[in-house]
Amino acid sequence: MDVASIAIQVLVLVFSVVFHEVAHGWTAWKLGDPTAKDQGRLTLNPIPHIDPVGSIIVPLLLSFTNAFMMGWAKPVPVHPGRLRNPWNDHPKVAAAGPASNLLLALVSAVLLGVTAAVGHRLPEAHAAAPAIGFLWLVWKAGIEINVVLAVFNLIPLPPLDGSWILTRFLPDNLRGGYERLRNYGMLIVVGFLLLMRYTPAGPMLGVVLGAVVSPFYYVANAVLRIGA
């Protein structure tokens, strides 16, 4: 992967994880918890959100290993007890992050189709060709990175978003033991990533990601056909 492609992917990733965290905070605010708003975290300015390891170092390392481009921002503070209905609202706050990534993937798909349609109408040596190529890479990264973020965060492993959703539906006799796993959250995530890297589970996840990505490229192709 060349330097320009790496830079595009890292920048798209940073924006996407920031948008993800803002979605959590905004949803919590609308459901009664203004903590993220009060702490200035409802902003797309990346500075308050960037985690040096998760937002920069990990993505750069992954870009050189042909692994899925992935990372994280500093989690926005959410106080479930301040939500109007904590039992039902906290899973909604958790789901807002992955949902925001799927929304970004959809927007990227539409823009990819529009960009391809414009490029299709331009002569091959047109002065705008480099800009079209650049935007093509940006929107393509927007689809793939956001799908990875959405699917990964929906995995029901603490401390990922999917774990908060699963907690809502677990029976009482299982919930306590499951919640204790949160004490080992990052170790669980690291173990999962190693599992994906060195076992057949990785290619299986790749199949799932491919299945989720496909509809977004279908949208892009549909927009291209309309505009061509």
Protein backbone atom coordinates (compact mmCIF):
# COMPACT_ATOMS: atom_id res chain seq x y z
CA MET A 1 0.00 0.00 0.00
CA ASP A 2 1.47 3.39 -0.98
CA VAL A 3 1.82 6.35 1.37
CA ALA A 4 -1.13 8.24 -0.14
CA SER A 5 -3.47 5.26 0.34
CA ILE A 6 -2.30 4.80 3.93
CA ALA A 7 -2.87 8.49 4.67
CA ILE A 8 -6.38 8.34 3.20
CA GLN A 9 -7.29 5.26 5.20
CA VAL A 10 -5.96 6.69 8.48
CA LEU A 11 -7.78 9.99 7.96
CA VAL A 12 -11.03 8.22 7.07
CA LEU A 13 -10.63 5.97 10.10
CA VAL A 14 -10.03 8.90 12.47
CA PHE A 15 -13.12 10.71 11.19
CA SER A 16 -15.19 7.53 11.41
CA VAL A 17 -14.24 6.66 15.00
CA VAL A 18 -14.83 10.27 16.07
CA PHE A 19 -18.27 10.21 14.40
CA HIS A 20 -18.94 6.90 16.17
CA GLU A 21 -18.18 8.38 19.60
CA VAL A 22 -20.17 11.55 18.91
CA ALA A 23 -23.14 9.34 17.98
CA HIS A 24 -22.92 7.64 21.37
CA GLY A 25 -22.76 10.97 23.19
CA TRP A 26 -25.50 12.62 21.12
CA THR A 27 -27.86 9.68 21.65
CA ALA A 28 -27.16 9.67 25.38
CA TRP A 29 -27.88 13.40 25.51
CA LYS A 30 -31.20 12.96 23.70
CA LEU A 31 -32.10 10.15 26.11
CA GLY A 32 -31.38 12.23 29.20
CA ASP A 33 -27.63 11.99 29.91
CA PRO A 34 -25.82 15.27 29.04
CA THR A 35 -22.41 14.13 30.34
CA ALA A 36 -20.70 14.00 26.94
CA LYS A 37 -22.26 17.34 25.95
CA ASP A 38 -21.16 18.97 29.21
CA GLN A 39 -17.59 17.73 28.65
CA GLY A 40 -17.40 19.12 25.12
CA ARG A 41 -17.38 15.73 23.42
CA LEU A 42 -20.25 16.37 21.00
CA THR A 43 -17.89 17.78 18.39
CA LEU A 44 -16.37 16.40 15.19
CA ASN A 45 -13.13 18.17 16.05
CA PRO A 46 -10.88 15.11 16.47
CA ILE A 47 -8.62 16.65 19.14
CA PRO A 48 -10.83 15.85 22.19
CA HIS A 49 -11.48 12.33 20.89
CA ILE A 50 -8.12 11.07 19.63
CA ASP A 51 -6.50 8.19 21.47
CA PRO A 52 -2.81 8.24 20.40
CA VAL A 53 -2.61 4.45 20.38
CA GLY A 54 -6.03 3.53 18.98
CA SER A 55 -6.44 6.42 16.55
CA ILE A 56 -2.91 6.69 15.14
CA ILE A 57 -0.39 4.00 16.13
CA VAL A 58 -2.59 0.91 15.70
CA PRO A 59 -4.01 2.03 12.32
CA LEU A 60 -0.53 2.79 11.00
CA LEU A 61 0.76 -0.61 12.11
CA LEU A 62 -2.25 -2.38 10.58
CA SER A 63 -1.73 -0.56 7.28
CA PHE A 64 1.60 -2.36 6.87
CA THR A 65 0.22 -5.83 7.63
CA ASN A 66 -2.69 -6.02 5.15
CA ALA A 67 -5.01 -6.53 8.12
CA PHE A 68 -8.43 -4.91 8.47
CA MET A 69 -8.02 -1.16 9.01
CA MET A 70 -9.35 -0.59 12.49
CA GLY A 71 -8.88 1.64 15.51
CA TRP A 72 -10.71 3.51 18.23
CA ALA A 73 -11.13 6.91 19.83
CA LYS A 74 -11.43 7.80 23.51
CA PRO A 75 -14.87 6.60 24.61
CA VAL A 76 -17.33 9.38 25.38
CA PRO A 77 -18.49 9.37 29.00
CA VAL A 78 -21.96 7.91 29.46
CA HIS A 79 -23.67 7.65 32.86
CA PRO A 80 -26.49 5.11 32.47
CA GLY A 81 -28.10 6.26 35.70
CA ARG A 82 -28.79 9.66 34.15
CA LEU A 83 -30.70 8.17 31.23
CA ARG A 84 -34.48 8.42 31.47
CA ASN A 85 -34.89 4.65 31.17
CA PRO A 86 -31.44 3.12 31.76
CA TRP A 87 -32.49 -0.48 31.16
CA ASN A 88 -33.79 0.23 27.66
CA ASP A 89 -31.87 3.39 26.77
CA HIS A 90 -28.31 2.20 27.45
CA PRO A 91 -28.46 -0.43 24.65
CA LYS A 92 -29.73 2.30 22.32
CA VAL A 93 -26.72 4.44 23.20
CA ALA A 94 -24.45 1.47 22.50
CA ALA A 95 -26.14 0.71 19.18
CA ALA A 96 -25.84 4.33 18.02
CA GLY A 97 -22.10 3.95 17.39
CA PRO A 98 -22.26 1.05 14.91
CA ALA A 99 -25.40 2.55 13.37
CA SER A 100 -23.50 5.78 12.70
CA ASN A 101 -20.78 3.81 10.92
CA LEU A 102 -23.33 2.09 8.69
CA LEU A 103 -24.77 5.53 7.90
CA LEU A 104 -21.30 6.78 6.91
CA ALA A 105 -20.84 3.67 4.75
CA LEU A 106 -24.13 4.42 2.99
CA VAL A 107 -23.19 8.07 2.40
CA SER A 108 -19.80 6.93 1.08
CA ALA A 109 -21.51 4.47 -1.27
CA VAL A 110 -23.74 7.18 -2.74
CA LEU A 111 -20.79 9.54 -3.15
CA LEU A 112 -18.73 6.76 -4.71
CA GLY A 113 -21.46 6.24 -7.29
CA VAL A 114 -21.69 9.97 -7.98
CA THR A 115 -17.90 10.25 -8.31
CA ALA A 116 -17.78 7.27 -10.68
CA ALA A 117 -20.59 8.76 -12.77
CA VAL A 118 -18.76 12.09 -13.06
CA GLY A 119 -15.50 10.33 -13.90
CA HIS A 120 -17.27 8.26 -16.53
CA ARG A 121 -18.33 11.44 -18.32
CA LEU A 122 -14.87 13.04 -18.30
CA PRO A 123 -12.21 12.51 -20.99
CA GLU A 124 -9.40 10.25 -19.75
CA ALA A 125 -6.81 13.06 -19.69
CA HIS A 126 -9.10 15.66 -18.10
CA ALA A 127 -7.50 17.92 -15.49
CA ALA A 128 -10.02 16.72 -12.90
CA ALA A 129 -8.98 13.07 -13.27
CA PRO A 130 -6.56 13.11 -10.28
CA ALA A 131 -9.25 14.60 -8.04
CA ILE A 132 -11.71 11.93 -9.20
CA GLY A 133 -9.16 9.24 -8.40
CA PHE A 134 -8.53 10.72 -4.97
CA LEU A 135 -12.25 10.89 -4.14
CA TRP A 136 -12.70 7.33 -5.39
CA LEU A 137 -10.17 6.14 -2.80
CA VAL A 138 -11.77 8.23 -0.04
CA TRP A 139 -15.31 6.91 -0.61
CA LYS A 140 -14.09 3.33 -1.06
CA ALA A 141 -12.25 3.58 2.25
CA GLY A 142 -15.37 5.15 3.76
CA ILE A 143 -17.41 2.08 2.87
CA GLU A 144 -14.94 -0.59 3.93
CA ILE A 145 -13.60 1.01 7.11
CA ASN A 146 -17.05 1.88 8.43
CA VAL A 147 -18.36 -1.61 7.76
CA VAL A 148 -15.40 -3.06 9.68
CA LEU A 149 -16.03 -0.67 12.58
CA ALA A 150 -19.75 -1.44 12.66
CA VAL A 151 -19.37 -5.23 12.52
CA PHE A 152 -16.46 -5.32 14.97
CA ASN A 153 -18.22 -3.14 17.53
CA LEU A 154 -21.36 -5.27 17.35
CA ILE A 155 -19.43 -8.37 18.43
CA PRO A 156 -20.79 -9.16 21.93
CA LEU A 157 -17.46 -9.08 23.73
CA PRO A 158 -16.80 -6.60 26.56
CA PRO A 159 -16.09 -3.72 26.23
CA LEU A 160 -17.45 -3.55 22.66
CA ASP A 161 -20.86 -2.01 21.97
CA GLY A 162 -22.41 -5.38 21.24
CA SER A 163 -21.78 -6.45 24.83
CA TRP A 164 -24.06 -3.70 26.19
CA ILE A 165 -26.79 -4.74 23.79
CA LEU A 166 -26.45 -8.40 24.73
CA THR A 167 -26.58 -7.57 28.45
CA ARG A 168 -30.07 -6.15 27.99
CA PHE A 169 -31.37 -9.52 26.78
CA LEU A 170 -29.42 -12.00 28.91
CA PRO A 171 -31.38 -13.88 31.58
CA ASP A 172 -30.62 -12.91 35.17
CA ASN A 173 -28.71 -16.10 35.92
CA LEU A 174 -26.17 -15.38 33.16
CA ARG A 175 -25.90 -11.60 33.36
CA GLY A 176 -23.74 -11.39 36.48
CA GLY A 177 -21.02 -13.70 35.18
CA TYR A 178 -21.02 -12.01 31.80
CA GLU A 179 -20.68 -8.55 33.36
CA ARG A 180 -17.63 -9.69 35.33
CA LEU A 181 -15.85 -10.18 32.01
CA ARG A 182 -15.68 -6.39 31.73
CA ASN A 183 -12.78 -6.48 34.20
CA TYR A 184 -10.72 -8.10 31.42
CA GLY A 185 -12.14 -6.08 28.52
CA MET A 186 -8.98 -5.10 26.64
CA LEU A 187 -7.41 -8.52 27.18
CA ILE A 188 -10.51 -10.09 25.64
CA VAL A 189 -10.32 -7.77 22.62
CA VAL A 190 -6.60 -8.42 22.13
CA GLY A 191 -7.24 -12.16 22.38
CA PHE A 192 -10.01 -11.88 19.83
CA LEU A 193 -7.77 -9.96 17.42
CA LEU A 194 -5.05 -12.61 17.77
CA LEU A 195 -7.67 -15.27 17.12
CA MET A 196 -8.68 -13.45 13.94
CA ARG A 197 -5.07 -13.12 12.85
CA TYR A 198 -3.82 -16.65 13.44
CA THR A 199 -6.82 -18.98 13.14
CA PRO A 200 -9.45 -19.78 10.48
CA ALA A 201 -11.81 -17.47 12.39
CA GLY A 202 -10.15 -14.55 10.58
CA PRO A 203 -11.16 -15.65 7.07
CA MET A 204 -14.64 -16.45 8.40
CA LEU A 205 -14.95 -12.88 9.68
CA GLY A 206 -13.72 -11.73 6.28
CA VAL A 207 -16.63 -13.56 4.65
CA VAL A 208 -19.07 -11.82 7.01
CA LEU A 209 -17.52 -8.43 6.26
CA GLY A 210 -17.69 -9.11 2.53
CA ALA A 211 -21.38 -9.94 2.84
CA VAL A 212 -22.06 -6.69 4.70
CA VAL A 213 -19.97 -4.60 2.29
CA SER A 214 -21.66 -5.95 -0.85
CA PRO A 215 -24.97 -4.06 -0.51
CA PHE A 216 -23.10 -0.77 -0.24
CA TYR A 217 -21.27 -1.41 -3.50
CA TYR A 218 -24.63 -2.34 -5.01
CA VAL A 219 -25.87 1.12 -3.98
CA ALA A 220 -22.79 2.73 -5.54
CA ASN A 221 -23.34 0.83 -8.79
CA ALA A 222 -27.02 1.81 -8.81
CA VAL A 223 -26.11 5.49 -8.45
CA LEU A 224 -23.51 5.10 -11.20
CA ARG A 225 -26.09 3.59 -13.56
CA ILE A 226 -28.49 6.45 -12.86
CA GLY A 227 -25.84 9.11 -13.46
CA ALA A 228 -23.97 7.51 -16.35
